[in-house]
Amino acid sequence: MKVDTRERRSRSDKKSYFYENLNSCGFSCDHDTLGLGDFLWTVKITDSYGKVHECITEYIIERKIKDDLASSIMDGRYKDQSTRLLQSGIKRPIYIVEGDLSSGFRNL
């Protein structure tokens, strides 16, 4: 799995909470700047010549905090990001929205 270097649990985090915790639980993670999504599953395959190829799987996760989702809808980032996800060829984009959605959106 690749974890975006900019992905933080909260704005006050100095390090990547997700990257460090996934690695400490035994997941094999790379920390990389992703152009799309926050978490991306990849598979590394070694060919008969010993060269390693990295292939992207069907899954990508975009994590949004409720108020950031509202802001991105209002300023158009959400539509742009959704279009890029659809055009990427990744068949199973997953959105994780954090926060109590029953309380409504502060920014809408």
C-alpha atoms as a PDB file:
ATOM      1  CA  MET A   1       0.000   0.000   0.000  1.00  0.00           C
ATOM      2  CA  LYS A   2       1.102   3.538  -0.684  1.00  0.00           C
ATOM      3  CA  VAL A   3       0.155   6.220   1.832  1.00  0.00           C
ATOM      4  CA  ASP A   4       0.234   9.847   0.703  1.00  0.00           C
ATOM      5  CA  THR A   5       2.919  11.821   2.555  1.00  0.00           C
ATOM      6  CA  ARG A   6       0.425  14.659   3.085  1.00  0.00           C
ATOM      7  CA  GLU A   7      -2.183  12.417   4.721  1.00  0.00           C
ATOM      8  CA  ARG A   8      -2.554  13.303   8.395  1.00  0.00           C
ATOM      9  CA  ARG A   9      -5.073  12.236  11.018  1.00  0.00           C
ATOM     10  CA  SER A  10      -5.533  15.876  12.008  1.00  0.00           C
ATOM     11  CA  ARG A  11      -3.974  19.233  11.171  1.00  0.00           C
ATOM     12  CA  SER A  12      -1.910  19.121  14.359  1.00  0.00           C
ATOM     13  CA  ASP A  13      -0.152  15.862  13.384  1.00  0.00           C
ATOM     14  CA  LYS A  14       3.516  16.363  12.568  1.00  0.00           C
ATOM     15  CA  LYS A  15       3.997  12.875  11.127  1.00  0.00           C
ATOM     16  CA  SER A  16       1.864  10.475   9.161  1.00  0.00           C
ATOM     17  CA  TYR A  17      -0.250   8.709  11.760  1.00  0.00           C
ATOM     18  CA  PHE A  18      -1.625   6.293   9.181  1.00  0.00           C
ATOM     19  CA  TYR A  19       1.711   5.321   7.632  1.00  0.00           C
ATOM     20  CA  GLU A  20       3.360   4.726  10.988  1.00  0.00           C
ATOM     21  CA  ASN A  21       0.449   2.765  12.449  1.00  0.00           C
ATOM     22  CA  LEU A  22      -0.087   0.606   9.381  1.00  0.00           C
ATOM     23  CA  ASN A  23       3.614  -0.310   9.349  1.00  0.00           C
ATOM     24  CA  SER A  24       3.607  -1.028  13.082  1.00  0.00           C
ATOM     25  CA  CYS A  25       0.688  -3.451  12.529  1.00  0.00           C
ATOM     26  CA  GLY A  26       2.690  -5.386   9.933  1.00  0.00           C
ATOM     27  CA  PHE A  27       1.332  -3.870   6.717  1.00  0.00           C
ATOM     28  CA  SER A  28       3.889  -3.229   4.005  1.00  0.00           C
ATOM     29  CA  CYS A  29       3.543   0.476   3.214  1.00  0.00           C
ATOM     30  CA  ASP A  30       5.454   3.007   1.182  1.00  0.00           C
ATOM     31  CA  HIS A  31       5.264   6.703   1.985  1.00  0.00           C
ATOM     32  CA  ASP A  32       4.927   8.629  -1.268  1.00  0.00           C
ATOM     33  CA  THR A  33       3.351  11.775  -2.658  1.00  0.00           C
ATOM     34  CA  LEU A  34       0.290  10.562  -4.534  1.00  0.00           C
ATOM     35  CA  GLY A  35      -1.215  12.576  -7.345  1.00  0.00           C
ATOM     36  CA  LEU A  36      -4.603  11.042  -6.669  1.00  0.00           C
ATOM     37  CA  GLY A  37      -6.117   9.583  -3.510  1.00  0.00           C
ATOM     38  CA  ASP A  38      -4.736   9.125  -0.028  1.00  0.00           C
ATOM     39  CA  PHE A  39      -4.204   5.352   0.034  1.00  0.00           C
ATOM     40  CA  LEU A  40      -3.388   3.265  -3.033  1.00  0.00           C
ATOM     41  CA  TRP A  41      -2.918  -0.498  -3.252  1.00  0.00           C
ATOM     42  CA  THR A  42      -0.100  -1.716  -5.448  1.00  0.00           C
ATOM     43  CA  VAL A  43       1.477  -5.080  -6.209  1.00  0.00           C
ATOM     44  CA  LYS A  44       5.202  -5.537  -6.816  1.00  0.00           C
ATOM     45  CA  ILE A  45       6.092  -8.256  -9.299  1.00  0.00           C
ATOM     46  CA  THR A  46       9.612  -9.448 -10.079  1.00  0.00           C
ATOM     47  CA  ASP A  47      10.093 -10.608 -13.651  1.00  0.00           C
ATOM     48  CA  SER A  48      12.399 -13.414 -14.810  1.00  0.00           C
ATOM     49  CA  TYR A  49      15.245 -10.886 -15.219  1.00  0.00           C
ATOM     50  CA  GLY A  50      14.974  -9.767 -11.603  1.00  0.00           C
ATOM     51  CA  LYS A  51      13.430  -6.411 -12.458  1.00  0.00           C
ATOM     52  CA  VAL A  52      10.685  -5.272 -10.082  1.00  0.00           C
ATOM     53  CA  HIS A  53       7.498  -3.842 -11.601  1.00  0.00           C
ATOM     54  CA  GLU A  54       4.874  -2.069  -9.544  1.00  0.00           C
ATOM     55  CA  CYS A  55       1.259  -2.419 -10.657  1.00  0.00           C
ATOM     56  CA  ILE A  56      -1.700  -0.443  -9.381  1.00  0.00           C
ATOM     57  CA  THR A  57      -4.662  -2.521  -8.228  1.00  0.00           C
ATOM     58  CA  GLU A  58      -8.357  -1.656  -8.568  1.00  0.00           C
ATOM     59  CA  TYR A  59      -8.571   0.095  -5.193  1.00  0.00           C
ATOM     60  CA  ILE A  60      -7.860   3.655  -4.114  1.00  0.00           C
ATOM     61  CA  ILE A  61      -9.114   5.447  -1.021  1.00  0.00           C
ATOM     62  CA  GLU A  62      -9.897   9.147  -0.737  1.00  0.00           C
ATOM     63  CA  ARG A  63     -10.368  10.210   2.885  1.00  0.00           C
ATOM     64  CA  LYS A  64     -12.369  13.343   3.674  1.00  0.00           C
ATOM     65  CA  ILE A  65     -13.288  15.032   6.910  1.00  0.00           C
ATOM     66  CA  LYS A  66     -16.910  16.171   6.789  1.00  0.00           C
ATOM     67  CA  ASP A  67     -16.182  19.915   6.705  1.00  0.00           C
ATOM     68  CA  ASP A  68     -13.409  19.498   4.112  1.00  0.00           C
ATOM     69  CA  LEU A  69     -15.851  17.547   1.946  1.00  0.00           C
ATOM     70  CA  ALA A  70     -18.342  20.406   2.194  1.00  0.00           C
ATOM     71  CA  SER A  71     -15.663  22.953   1.259  1.00  0.00           C
ATOM     72  CA  SER A  72     -14.469  20.876  -1.687  1.00  0.00           C
ATOM     73  CA  ILE A  73     -18.033  20.557  -2.988  1.00  0.00           C
ATOM     74  CA  MET A  74     -18.520  24.319  -2.747  1.00  0.00           C
ATOM     75  CA  ASP A  75     -15.264  25.308  -4.486  1.00  0.00           C
ATOM     76  CA  GLY A  76     -15.371  22.571  -7.165  1.00  0.00           C
ATOM     77  CA  ARG A  77     -12.406  20.475  -5.975  1.00  0.00           C
ATOM     78  CA  TYR A  78     -14.696  17.493  -5.333  1.00  0.00           C
ATOM     79  CA  LYS A  79     -15.985  17.429  -8.917  1.00  0.00           C
ATOM     80  CA  ASP A  80     -12.461  17.762 -10.322  1.00  0.00           C
ATOM     81  CA  GLN A  81     -11.150  15.014  -8.045  1.00  0.00           C
ATOM     82  CA  SER A  82     -14.064  12.695  -8.838  1.00  0.00           C
ATOM     83  CA  THR A  83     -13.507  13.213 -12.577  1.00  0.00           C
ATOM     84  CA  ARG A  84      -9.791  12.417 -12.228  1.00  0.00           C
ATOM     85  CA  LEU A  85     -10.624   9.284 -10.215  1.00  0.00           C
ATOM     86  CA  LEU A  86     -13.023   8.080 -12.924  1.00  0.00           C
ATOM     87  CA  GLN A  87     -10.517   8.839 -15.701  1.00  0.00           C
ATOM     88  CA  SER A  88      -7.670   7.082 -13.877  1.00  0.00           C
ATOM     89  CA  GLY A  89      -8.960   3.642 -14.807  1.00  0.00           C
ATOM     90  CA  ILE A  90      -9.024   2.551 -11.175  1.00  0.00           C
ATOM     91  CA  LYS A  91     -12.238   0.566 -10.965  1.00  0.00           C
ATOM     92  CA  ARG A  92     -12.983   0.743  -7.263  1.00  0.00           C
ATOM     93  CA  PRO A  93     -12.502   4.213  -5.770  1.00  0.00           C
ATOM     94  CA  ILE A  94     -13.535   4.347  -2.122  1.00  0.00           C
ATOM     95  CA  TYR A  95     -14.487   7.502  -0.240  1.00  0.00           C
ATOM     96  CA  ILE A  96     -14.205   7.547   3.543  1.00  0.00           C
ATOM     97  CA  VAL A  97     -16.014  10.483   5.115  1.00  0.00           C
ATOM     98  CA  GLU A  98     -15.207  11.171   8.751  1.00  0.00           C
ATOM     99  CA  GLY A  99     -17.570  13.006  11.039  1.00  0.00           C
ATOM    100  CA  ASP A 100     -21.193  12.989  12.085  1.00  0.00           C
ATOM    101  CA  LEU A 101     -23.133  13.519   8.866  1.00  0.00           C
ATOM    102  CA  SER A 102     -26.459  13.647  10.708  1.00  0.00           C
ATOM    103  CA  SER A 103     -25.520  17.046  12.160  1.00  0.00           C
ATOM    104  CA  GLY A 104     -25.380  18.634   8.705  1.00  0.00           C
ATOM    105  CA  PHE A 105     -22.546  20.539   7.067  1.00  0.00           C
ATOM    106  CA  ARG A 106     -21.100  23.675   8.597  1.00  0.00           C
ATOM    107  CA  ASN A 107     -19.816  25.103   5.304  1.00  0.00           C
ATOM    108  CA  LEU A 108     -22.931  24.593   3.161  1.00  0.00           C
END
